Amino acid sequence: MRKDQQVTARLIVRRVKRLNPASVPEGQSEMFAAYRYHAVLTNSPMTMLEAEADHRAHAIVEQSHADMRSGPLAHLPSGQFAANGAWLVLAAITHNLMRAAGTLASMFHARATTGTIRAQLIEIPARLAHRARRLHLHLPTDWPWQTEWENLFAAACGPPGHHTT
C-alpha cells in the first residue's frame, strides 16, 4: 500500500465479564466463555477510555436510528417536502413516547424495541365494557404482559380504581 493511503489507527478491545456463561447457545463452544469482547478500531486522538465510551454512545444512537428506520421512517420519503417534515416530527414524538412507555412498564421493555413494546403492550385484544356508569377494561386471560401493562397504566393514570369517567 502506498504511504499516502495508509491510516494510523488503534484497536481497542473491551473485555466484559459474561454474567451468564450458560447463555452461550448449544453447539457454539467459545474459547473464552467467561467474557465477551467488543472491538473498536479508531483513529481518534481521545484517550482509550474516552474513545471506547464515545463508541458505545454512538452504538446507542445507532440502535435508535435502526428502530425508527424499521418503523415509521420506513415510509419516507414521500413526494412532498412538508409531508416528510411532518412525518419525521410525528415519528420522533411517537418514538420518545414509546421509549417512555417501555421504561414505565418494566426493565425488559425499557430495553426492548418499539416494535416489541407496540406488540406486547399497545396492540392488545382487550374489551371495553360500560357498567354502572364506569368503564371496565377486560384484558385477555393468562396474558403474559399483564403486570407490565398494569405498571404502565398505573404510572400513566394512577392506581386502578381511582379513575372517574
N, C-alpha and C. Protein backbone atom coordinates (compact mmCIF):
# COMPACT_ATOMS: atom_id res chain seq x y z
N MET A 1 0.86 -1.17 0.00
CA MET A 1 0.00 0.00 0.00
C MET A 1 0.90 1.23 0.00
N ARG A 2 0.47 2.23 -0.77
CA ARG A 2 1.26 3.46 -0.84
C ARG A 2 1.17 4.22 0.48
N LYS A 3 2.22 4.97 0.75
CA LYS A 3 2.32 5.72 2.01
C LYS A 3 1.16 6.71 2.18
N ASP A 4 0.72 7.36 1.09
CA ASP A 4 -0.35 8.36 1.19
C ASP A 4 -1.73 7.72 1.41
N GLN A 5 -1.85 6.39 1.27
CA GLN A 5 -3.10 5.69 1.51
C GLN A 5 -3.17 5.04 2.89
N GLN A 6 -2.08 5.09 3.63
CA GLN A 6 -2.04 4.46 4.94
C GLN A 6 -2.69 5.36 5.99
N VAL A 7 -3.36 4.73 6.94
CA VAL A 7 -4.03 5.45 8.02
C VAL A 7 -3.52 4.88 9.34
N THR A 8 -3.16 5.78 10.24
CA THR A 8 -2.74 5.33 11.56
C THR A 8 -3.99 5.20 12.43
N ALA A 9 -4.16 4.04 13.02
CA ALA A 9 -5.33 3.80 13.87
C ALA A 9 -4.91 2.84 14.97
N ARG A 10 -5.79 2.66 15.94
CA ARG A 10 -5.53 1.71 17.02
C ARG A 10 -6.76 0.86 17.25
N LEU A 11 -6.52 -0.33 17.72
CA LEU A 11 -7.58 -1.27 18.03
C LEU A 11 -7.77 -1.30 19.54
N ILE A 12 -8.98 -1.03 19.97
CA ILE A 12 -9.32 -1.08 21.40
C ILE A 12 -10.25 -2.27 21.58
N VAL A 13 -9.90 -3.16 22.47
CA VAL A 13 -10.75 -4.33 22.75
C VAL A 13 -11.21 -4.23 24.19
N ARG A 14 -12.52 -4.22 24.36
CA ARG A 14 -13.12 -4.13 25.69
C ARG A 14 -13.56 -5.53 26.10
N ARG A 15 -13.13 -5.96 27.27
CA ARG A 15 -13.50 -7.27 27.79
C ARG A 15 -14.56 -7.07 28.87
N VAL A 16 -15.69 -7.77 28.71
CA VAL A 16 -16.81 -7.66 29.64
C VAL A 16 -17.11 -9.05 30.18
N LYS A 17 -17.18 -9.15 31.49
CA LYS A 17 -17.48 -10.44 32.10
C LYS A 17 -18.90 -10.86 31.72
N ARG A 18 -19.04 -12.07 31.21
CA ARG A 18 -20.35 -12.60 30.84
C ARG A 18 -21.09 -12.96 32.13
N LEU A 19 -22.25 -12.35 32.35
CA LEU A 19 -23.00 -12.58 33.58
C LEU A 19 -23.59 -13.98 33.64
N ASN A 20 -23.88 -14.55 32.48
CA ASN A 20 -24.47 -15.88 32.45
C ASN A 20 -23.73 -16.72 31.41
N PRO A 21 -22.62 -17.37 31.79
CA PRO A 21 -21.87 -18.17 30.82
C PRO A 21 -22.69 -19.29 30.20
N ALA A 22 -23.76 -19.71 30.85
CA ALA A 22 -24.61 -20.76 30.29
C ALA A 22 -25.46 -20.26 29.13
N SER A 23 -25.46 -18.94 28.89
CA SER A 23 -26.27 -18.39 27.81
C SER A 23 -25.67 -18.62 26.43
N VAL A 24 -24.47 -19.15 26.35
CA VAL A 24 -23.86 -19.47 25.06
C VAL A 24 -24.69 -20.58 24.42
N PRO A 25 -25.18 -20.37 23.19
CA PRO A 25 -26.05 -21.38 22.57
C PRO A 25 -25.38 -22.74 22.46
N GLU A 26 -26.19 -23.79 22.58
CA GLU A 26 -25.73 -25.17 22.47
C GLU A 26 -25.04 -25.37 21.13
N GLY A 27 -23.91 -26.04 21.15
CA GLY A 27 -23.19 -26.33 19.92
C GLY A 27 -22.25 -25.22 19.49
N GLN A 28 -22.26 -24.08 20.18
CA GLN A 28 -21.37 -22.98 19.84
C GLN A 28 -20.37 -22.80 20.97
N SER A 29 -19.42 -23.68 21.04
CA SER A 29 -18.44 -23.56 22.11
C SER A 29 -17.56 -22.34 21.83
N GLU A 30 -17.19 -21.67 22.88
CA GLU A 30 -16.34 -20.49 22.77
C GLU A 30 -15.04 -20.75 23.50
N MET A 31 -13.99 -20.14 23.00
CA MET A 31 -12.70 -20.30 23.66
C MET A 31 -12.69 -19.64 25.04
N PHE A 32 -13.32 -18.46 25.09
CA PHE A 32 -13.32 -17.69 26.33
C PHE A 32 -14.77 -17.40 26.73
N ALA A 33 -15.47 -18.39 27.23
CA ALA A 33 -16.90 -18.27 27.52
C ALA A 33 -17.20 -17.37 28.71
N ALA A 34 -16.21 -17.10 29.56
CA ALA A 34 -16.45 -16.28 30.74
C ALA A 34 -16.54 -14.80 30.41
N TYR A 35 -16.03 -14.40 29.24
CA TYR A 35 -16.02 -12.99 28.86
C TYR A 35 -16.56 -12.80 27.45
N ARG A 36 -17.04 -11.59 27.20
CA ARG A 36 -17.39 -11.16 25.84
C ARG A 36 -16.40 -10.07 25.46
N TYR A 37 -16.07 -9.97 24.18
CA TYR A 37 -15.10 -8.99 23.73
C TYR A 37 -15.74 -8.09 22.68
N HIS A 38 -15.48 -6.78 22.80
CA HIS A 38 -16.01 -5.79 21.87
C HIS A 38 -14.82 -5.00 21.32
N ALA A 39 -14.65 -5.03 20.02
CA ALA A 39 -13.51 -4.36 19.39
C ALA A 39 -13.94 -3.04 18.76
N VAL A 40 -13.06 -2.04 18.86
CA VAL A 40 -13.28 -0.73 18.26
C VAL A 40 -11.99 -0.36 17.55
N LEU A 41 -12.08 0.00 16.28
CA LEU A 41 -10.93 0.50 15.54
C LEU A 41 -11.14 1.99 15.38
N THR A 42 -10.19 2.79 15.84
CA THR A 42 -10.37 4.24 15.81
C THR A 42 -9.06 4.96 15.47
N ASN A 43 -9.20 6.12 14.85
CA ASN A 43 -8.05 7.00 14.64
C ASN A 43 -8.23 8.29 15.44
N SER A 44 -9.11 8.24 16.42
CA SER A 44 -9.41 9.39 17.28
C SER A 44 -8.22 9.70 18.19
N PRO A 45 -7.99 10.99 18.45
CA PRO A 45 -6.91 11.36 19.38
C PRO A 45 -7.32 11.23 20.85
N MET A 46 -8.56 10.81 21.12
CA MET A 46 -9.03 10.66 22.50
C MET A 46 -8.25 9.56 23.22
N THR A 47 -8.32 9.62 24.55
CA THR A 47 -7.71 8.54 25.32
C THR A 47 -8.51 7.26 25.07
N MET A 48 -7.94 6.14 25.47
CA MET A 48 -8.59 4.85 25.23
C MET A 48 -9.99 4.82 25.86
N LEU A 49 -10.11 5.24 27.12
CA LEU A 49 -11.40 5.21 27.81
C LEU A 49 -12.41 6.16 27.17
N GLU A 50 -11.97 7.34 26.77
CA GLU A 50 -12.87 8.30 26.11
C GLU A 50 -13.33 7.76 24.75
N ALA A 51 -12.42 7.19 23.98
CA ALA A 51 -12.77 6.67 22.65
C ALA A 51 -13.76 5.51 22.76
N GLU A 52 -13.55 4.65 23.73
CA GLU A 52 -14.44 3.50 23.91
C GLU A 52 -15.82 3.95 24.37
N ALA A 53 -15.88 4.92 25.29
CA ALA A 53 -17.17 5.46 25.76
C ALA A 53 -17.89 6.16 24.62
N ASP A 54 -17.15 6.89 23.79
CA ASP A 54 -17.74 7.58 22.64
C ASP A 54 -18.32 6.56 21.66
N HIS A 55 -17.61 5.46 21.45
CA HIS A 55 -18.09 4.41 20.56
C HIS A 55 -19.39 3.79 21.09
N ARG A 56 -19.45 3.53 22.39
CA ARG A 56 -20.67 2.96 22.98
C ARG A 56 -21.84 3.92 22.85
N ALA A 57 -21.58 5.24 23.03
CA ALA A 57 -22.65 6.23 22.88
C ALA A 57 -23.17 6.23 21.44
N HIS A 58 -22.28 6.09 20.46
CA HIS A 58 -22.72 6.02 19.06
C HIS A 58 -23.54 4.77 18.81
N ALA A 59 -23.19 3.67 19.46
CA ALA A 59 -23.93 2.42 19.27
C ALA A 59 -25.37 2.57 19.77
N ILE A 60 -25.57 3.30 20.86
CA ILE A 60 -26.91 3.52 21.39
C ILE A 60 -27.73 4.35 20.41
N VAL A 61 -27.11 5.39 19.84
CA VAL A 61 -27.80 6.23 18.86
C VAL A 61 -28.15 5.41 17.63
N GLU A 62 -27.23 4.57 17.19
CA GLU A 62 -27.49 3.74 16.01
C GLU A 62 -28.66 2.79 16.25
N GLN A 63 -28.80 2.27 17.47
CA GLN A 63 -29.94 1.41 17.79
C GLN A 63 -31.25 2.19 17.64
N SER A 64 -31.28 3.43 18.09
CA SER A 64 -32.48 4.25 17.95
C SER A 64 -32.79 4.52 16.48
N HIS A 65 -31.74 4.79 15.70
CA HIS A 65 -31.95 5.02 14.26
C HIS A 65 -32.50 3.77 13.59
N ALA A 66 -31.94 2.61 13.92
CA ALA A 66 -32.41 1.35 13.33
C ALA A 66 -33.86 1.09 13.73
N ASP A 67 -34.19 1.40 14.98
CA ASP A 67 -35.56 1.19 15.47
C ASP A 67 -36.53 2.07 14.69
N MET A 68 -36.16 3.32 14.44
CA MET A 68 -37.04 4.22 13.71
C MET A 68 -37.10 3.87 12.23
N ARG A 69 -35.96 3.43 11.64
CA ARG A 69 -35.96 3.05 10.22
C ARG A 69 -36.81 1.81 9.98
N SER A 70 -36.89 0.91 10.96
CA SER A 70 -37.71 -0.29 10.77
C SER A 70 -39.17 0.00 11.08
N GLY A 71 -39.48 1.16 11.58
CA GLY A 71 -40.85 1.53 11.91
C GLY A 71 -41.34 2.67 11.05
N PRO A 72 -41.59 3.83 11.65
CA PRO A 72 -42.23 4.93 10.91
C PRO A 72 -41.38 5.50 9.78
N LEU A 73 -40.06 5.49 9.90
CA LEU A 73 -39.24 6.08 8.85
C LEU A 73 -39.11 5.18 7.63
N ALA A 74 -39.65 3.97 7.70
CA ALA A 74 -39.64 3.08 6.54
C ALA A 74 -40.52 3.66 5.42
N HIS A 75 -41.42 4.57 5.76
CA HIS A 75 -42.35 5.13 4.79
C HIS A 75 -41.82 6.41 4.14
N LEU A 76 -40.63 6.84 4.49
CA LEU A 76 -40.06 8.05 3.90
C LEU A 76 -39.22 7.67 2.69
N PRO A 77 -38.98 8.52 1.75
CA PRO A 77 -39.57 9.85 1.59
C PRO A 77 -40.84 9.79 0.75
N SER A 78 -41.65 10.81 0.94
CA SER A 78 -42.81 10.98 0.07
C SER A 78 -42.43 12.05 -0.95
N GLY A 79 -43.31 12.36 -1.84
CA GLY A 79 -43.01 13.37 -2.86
C GLY A 79 -43.13 14.79 -2.35
N GLN A 80 -43.62 14.98 -1.14
CA GLN A 80 -43.85 16.32 -0.61
C GLN A 80 -42.89 16.62 0.53
N PHE A 81 -42.13 17.70 0.41
CA PHE A 81 -41.15 18.06 1.44
C PHE A 81 -41.83 18.32 2.78
N ALA A 82 -42.94 19.05 2.78
CA ALA A 82 -43.64 19.37 4.03
C ALA A 82 -44.19 18.10 4.69
N ALA A 83 -44.67 17.18 3.88
CA ALA A 83 -45.18 15.92 4.43
C ALA A 83 -44.05 15.13 5.08
N ASN A 84 -42.88 15.12 4.48
CA ASN A 84 -41.72 14.43 5.07
C ASN A 84 -41.37 15.05 6.43
N GLY A 85 -41.38 16.38 6.50
CA GLY A 85 -41.07 17.06 7.75
C GLY A 85 -42.08 16.75 8.84
N ALA A 86 -43.35 16.77 8.48
CA ALA A 86 -44.40 16.47 9.45
C ALA A 86 -44.30 15.01 9.92
N TRP A 87 -44.06 14.10 8.98
CA TRP A 87 -43.95 12.68 9.33
C TRP A 87 -42.75 12.45 10.25
N LEU A 88 -41.65 13.12 9.98
CA LEU A 88 -40.46 12.98 10.82
C LEU A 88 -40.71 13.47 12.24
N VAL A 89 -41.39 14.60 12.37
CA VAL A 89 -41.72 15.13 13.71
C VAL A 89 -42.63 14.15 14.45
N LEU A 90 -43.65 13.64 13.79
CA LEU A 90 -44.56 12.69 14.42
C LEU A 90 -43.84 11.38 14.78
N ALA A 91 -42.93 10.95 13.92
CA ALA A 91 -42.17 9.73 14.20
C ALA A 91 -41.29 9.91 15.43
N ALA A 92 -40.66 11.08 15.57
CA ALA A 92 -39.80 11.34 16.73
C ALA A 92 -40.63 11.41 18.02
N ILE A 93 -41.77 12.08 17.96
CA ILE A 93 -42.64 12.16 19.14
C ILE A 93 -43.11 10.76 19.54
N THR A 94 -43.55 9.98 18.57
CA THR A 94 -44.03 8.62 18.84
C THR A 94 -42.91 7.76 19.42
N HIS A 95 -41.73 7.87 18.85
CA HIS A 95 -40.59 7.08 19.33
C HIS A 95 -40.30 7.41 20.80
N ASN A 96 -40.27 8.69 21.12
CA ASN A 96 -39.99 9.09 22.50
C ASN A 96 -41.09 8.63 23.46
N LEU A 97 -42.34 8.70 23.05
CA LEU A 97 -43.44 8.22 23.90
C LEU A 97 -43.36 6.71 24.11
N MET A 98 -43.00 5.97 23.05
CA MET A 98 -42.86 4.52 23.18
C MET A 98 -41.72 4.16 24.11
N ARG A 99 -40.61 4.86 24.02
CA ARG A 99 -39.47 4.60 24.92
C ARG A 99 -39.88 4.88 26.36
N ALA A 100 -40.61 5.98 26.58
CA ALA A 100 -41.07 6.30 27.93
C ALA A 100 -42.03 5.24 28.45
N ALA A 101 -42.95 4.79 27.60
CA ALA A 101 -43.90 3.76 28.00
C ALA A 101 -43.17 2.47 28.36
N GLY A 102 -42.19 2.09 27.57
CA GLY A 102 -41.41 0.89 27.86
C GLY A 102 -40.69 0.99 29.19
N THR A 103 -40.15 2.15 29.48
CA THR A 103 -39.43 2.37 30.74
C THR A 103 -40.39 2.28 31.93
N LEU A 104 -41.59 2.79 31.78
CA LEU A 104 -42.57 2.73 32.86
C LEU A 104 -43.11 1.31 33.06
N ALA A 105 -43.13 0.51 32.00
CA ALA A 105 -43.73 -0.82 32.07
C ALA A 105 -42.85 -1.82 32.81
N SER A 106 -41.58 -1.93 32.41
CA SER A 106 -40.70 -2.92 33.03
C SER A 106 -39.26 -2.71 32.56
N MET A 107 -38.34 -3.37 33.24
CA MET A 107 -36.93 -3.31 32.83
C MET A 107 -36.74 -3.94 31.45
N PHE A 108 -37.45 -5.04 31.17
CA PHE A 108 -37.35 -5.67 29.86
C PHE A 108 -37.80 -4.72 28.77
N HIS A 109 -38.96 -4.08 28.96
CA HIS A 109 -39.49 -3.19 27.94
C HIS A 109 -38.71 -1.88 27.85
N ALA A 110 -37.98 -1.52 28.88
CA ALA A 110 -37.14 -0.33 28.81
C ALA A 110 -36.04 -0.50 27.77
N ARG A 111 -35.64 -1.74 27.52
CA ARG A 111 -34.58 -2.01 26.55
C ARG A 111 -35.11 -2.59 25.24
N ALA A 112 -36.40 -2.89 25.18
CA ALA A 112 -36.99 -3.52 24.00
C ALA A 112 -37.14 -2.52 22.86
N THR A 113 -37.28 -3.06 21.66
CA THR A 113 -37.53 -2.19 20.51
C THR A 113 -38.96 -1.67 20.59
N THR A 114 -39.22 -0.60 19.84
CA THR A 114 -40.57 -0.04 19.86
C THR A 114 -41.56 -1.03 19.24
N GLY A 115 -41.11 -1.87 18.32
CA GLY A 115 -41.99 -2.90 17.76
C GLY A 115 -42.45 -3.90 18.81
N THR A 116 -41.54 -4.29 19.70
CA THR A 116 -41.89 -5.20 20.78
C THR A 116 -42.86 -4.54 21.76
N ILE A 117 -42.59 -3.29 22.10
CA ILE A 117 -43.48 -2.55 23.01
C ILE A 117 -44.88 -2.45 22.40
N ARG A 118 -44.92 -2.12 21.12
CA ARG A 118 -46.21 -1.99 20.43
C ARG A 118 -46.95 -3.33 20.43
N ALA A 119 -46.24 -4.42 20.11
CA ALA A 119 -46.89 -5.74 20.01
C ALA A 119 -47.33 -6.27 21.36
N GLN A 120 -46.59 -5.99 22.42
CA GLN A 120 -46.89 -6.59 23.73
C GLN A 120 -47.73 -5.71 24.64
N LEU A 121 -47.66 -4.39 24.48
CA LEU A 121 -48.36 -3.52 25.43
C LEU A 121 -49.41 -2.60 24.82
N ILE A 122 -49.37 -2.41 23.51
CA ILE A 122 -50.31 -1.45 22.91
C ILE A 122 -51.35 -2.15 22.06
N GLU A 123 -50.93 -3.07 21.20
CA GLU A 123 -51.87 -3.79 20.34
C GLU A 123 -52.43 -5.00 21.09
N ILE A 124 -53.28 -4.74 22.08
CA ILE A 124 -53.79 -5.84 22.90
C ILE A 124 -55.26 -6.10 22.58
N PRO A 125 -55.65 -7.36 22.58
CA PRO A 125 -57.05 -7.68 22.31
C PRO A 125 -57.88 -7.54 23.59
N ALA A 126 -58.19 -6.32 23.96
CA ALA A 126 -58.96 -6.07 25.18
C ALA A 126 -60.39 -5.68 24.80
N ARG A 127 -61.30 -5.77 25.78
CA ARG A 127 -62.70 -5.40 25.57
C ARG A 127 -63.06 -4.34 26.59
N LEU A 128 -63.69 -3.29 26.11
CA LEU A 128 -64.11 -2.19 26.97
C LEU A 128 -65.60 -2.35 27.26
N ALA A 129 -65.98 -2.39 28.53
CA ALA A 129 -67.39 -2.55 28.92
C ALA A 129 -67.80 -1.35 29.77
N HIS A 130 -69.05 -0.96 29.63
CA HIS A 130 -69.59 0.15 30.41
C HIS A 130 -70.65 -0.41 31.34
N ARG A 131 -70.39 -0.31 32.65
CA ARG A 131 -71.29 -0.87 33.63
C ARG A 131 -71.37 0.08 34.82
N ALA A 132 -72.58 0.38 35.26
CA ALA A 132 -72.81 1.25 36.42
C ALA A 132 -72.08 2.58 36.27
N ARG A 133 -72.18 3.16 35.09
CA ARG A 133 -71.56 4.46 34.79
C ARG A 133 -70.04 4.46 34.90
N ARG A 134 -69.45 3.29 34.80
CA ARG A 134 -67.99 3.17 34.87
C ARG A 134 -67.51 2.35 33.69
N LEU A 135 -66.34 2.67 33.22
CA LEU A 135 -65.73 1.90 32.15
C LEU A 135 -64.88 0.80 32.77
N HIS A 136 -64.97 -0.39 32.22
CA HIS A 136 -64.19 -1.53 32.69
C HIS A 136 -63.43 -2.10 31.50
N LEU A 137 -62.15 -2.28 31.66
CA LEU A 137 -61.33 -2.85 30.61
C LEU A 137 -61.07 -4.31 30.95
N HIS A 138 -61.46 -5.20 30.05
CA HIS A 138 -61.25 -6.63 30.23
C HIS A 138 -60.05 -7.05 29.40
N LEU A 139 -58.98 -7.38 30.09
CA LEU A 139 -57.75 -7.82 29.43
C LEU A 139 -57.81 -9.31 29.15
N PRO A 140 -57.01 -9.80 28.22
CA PRO A 140 -57.02 -11.24 27.90
C PRO A 140 -56.66 -12.09 29.12
N THR A 141 -57.25 -13.28 29.21
CA THR A 141 -56.94 -14.22 30.28
C THR A 141 -55.55 -14.81 30.05
N ASP A 142 -54.80 -14.99 31.13
CA ASP A 142 -53.45 -15.56 31.06
C ASP A 142 -52.54 -14.79 30.10
N TRP A 143 -52.69 -13.50 30.04
CA TRP A 143 -51.89 -12.65 29.16
C TRP A 143 -50.52 -12.47 29.80
N PRO A 144 -49.43 -12.80 29.12
CA PRO A 144 -48.10 -12.80 29.75
C PRO A 144 -47.58 -11.41 30.13
N TRP A 145 -48.12 -10.34 29.55
CA TRP A 145 -47.60 -9.00 29.84
C TRP A 145 -48.58 -8.16 30.64
N GLN A 146 -49.49 -8.81 31.36
CA GLN A 146 -50.50 -8.06 32.12
C GLN A 146 -49.85 -7.20 33.21
N THR A 147 -48.89 -7.75 33.94
CA THR A 147 -48.23 -6.99 35.01
C THR A 147 -47.53 -5.76 34.44
N GLU A 148 -46.82 -5.92 33.33
CA GLU A 148 -46.12 -4.80 32.71
C GLU A 148 -47.11 -3.75 32.23
N TRP A 149 -48.23 -4.19 31.63
CA TRP A 149 -49.24 -3.25 31.16
C TRP A 149 -49.85 -2.51 32.35
N GLU A 150 -50.13 -3.21 33.44
CA GLU A 150 -50.69 -2.56 34.62
C GLU A 150 -49.69 -1.57 35.23
N ASN A 151 -48.39 -1.88 35.20
CA ASN A 151 -47.37 -0.92 35.65
C ASN A 151 -47.44 0.35 34.82
N LEU A 152 -47.53 0.18 33.50
CA LEU A 152 -47.61 1.33 32.60
C LEU A 152 -48.89 2.11 32.86
N PHE A 153 -50.02 1.42 32.99
CA PHE A 153 -51.30 2.08 33.22
C PHE A 153 -51.29 2.86 34.53
N ALA A 154 -50.77 2.23 35.60
CA ALA A 154 -50.73 2.90 36.90
C ALA A 154 -49.82 4.13 36.86
N ALA A 155 -48.70 4.03 36.14
CA ALA A 155 -47.80 5.18 36.05
C ALA A 155 -48.41 6.31 35.24
N ALA A 156 -49.18 5.97 34.22
CA ALA A 156 -49.77 6.99 33.37
C ALA A 156 -51.06 7.57 33.93
N CYS A 157 -51.87 6.74 34.60
CA CYS A 157 -53.21 7.18 35.03
C CYS A 157 -53.44 7.10 36.54
N GLY A 158 -52.50 6.59 37.29
CA GLY A 158 -52.71 6.39 38.72
C GLY A 158 -53.15 4.97 38.97
N PRO A 159 -53.22 4.56 40.23
CA PRO A 159 -53.59 3.18 40.55
C PRO A 159 -55.00 2.85 40.07
N PRO A 160 -55.28 1.58 39.74
CA PRO A 160 -56.63 1.19 39.32
C PRO A 160 -57.66 1.51 40.40
N GLY A 161 -58.85 1.87 39.97
CA GLY A 161 -59.93 2.17 40.91
C GLY A 161 -60.01 3.64 41.29
N HIS A 162 -59.07 4.45 40.83
CA HIS A 162 -59.09 5.87 41.15
C HIS A 162 -59.41 6.72 39.94
N HIS A 163 -60.16 6.16 39.00
CA HIS A 163 -60.46 6.86 37.77
C HIS A 163 -61.95 7.18 37.72
N THR A 164 -62.26 8.32 37.21
CA THR A 164 -63.66 8.66 37.00
C THR A 164 -63.84 8.89 35.52
N THR A 165 -64.98 8.44 35.00
CA THR A 165 -65.26 8.61 33.58
C THR A 165 -66.58 9.28 33.37
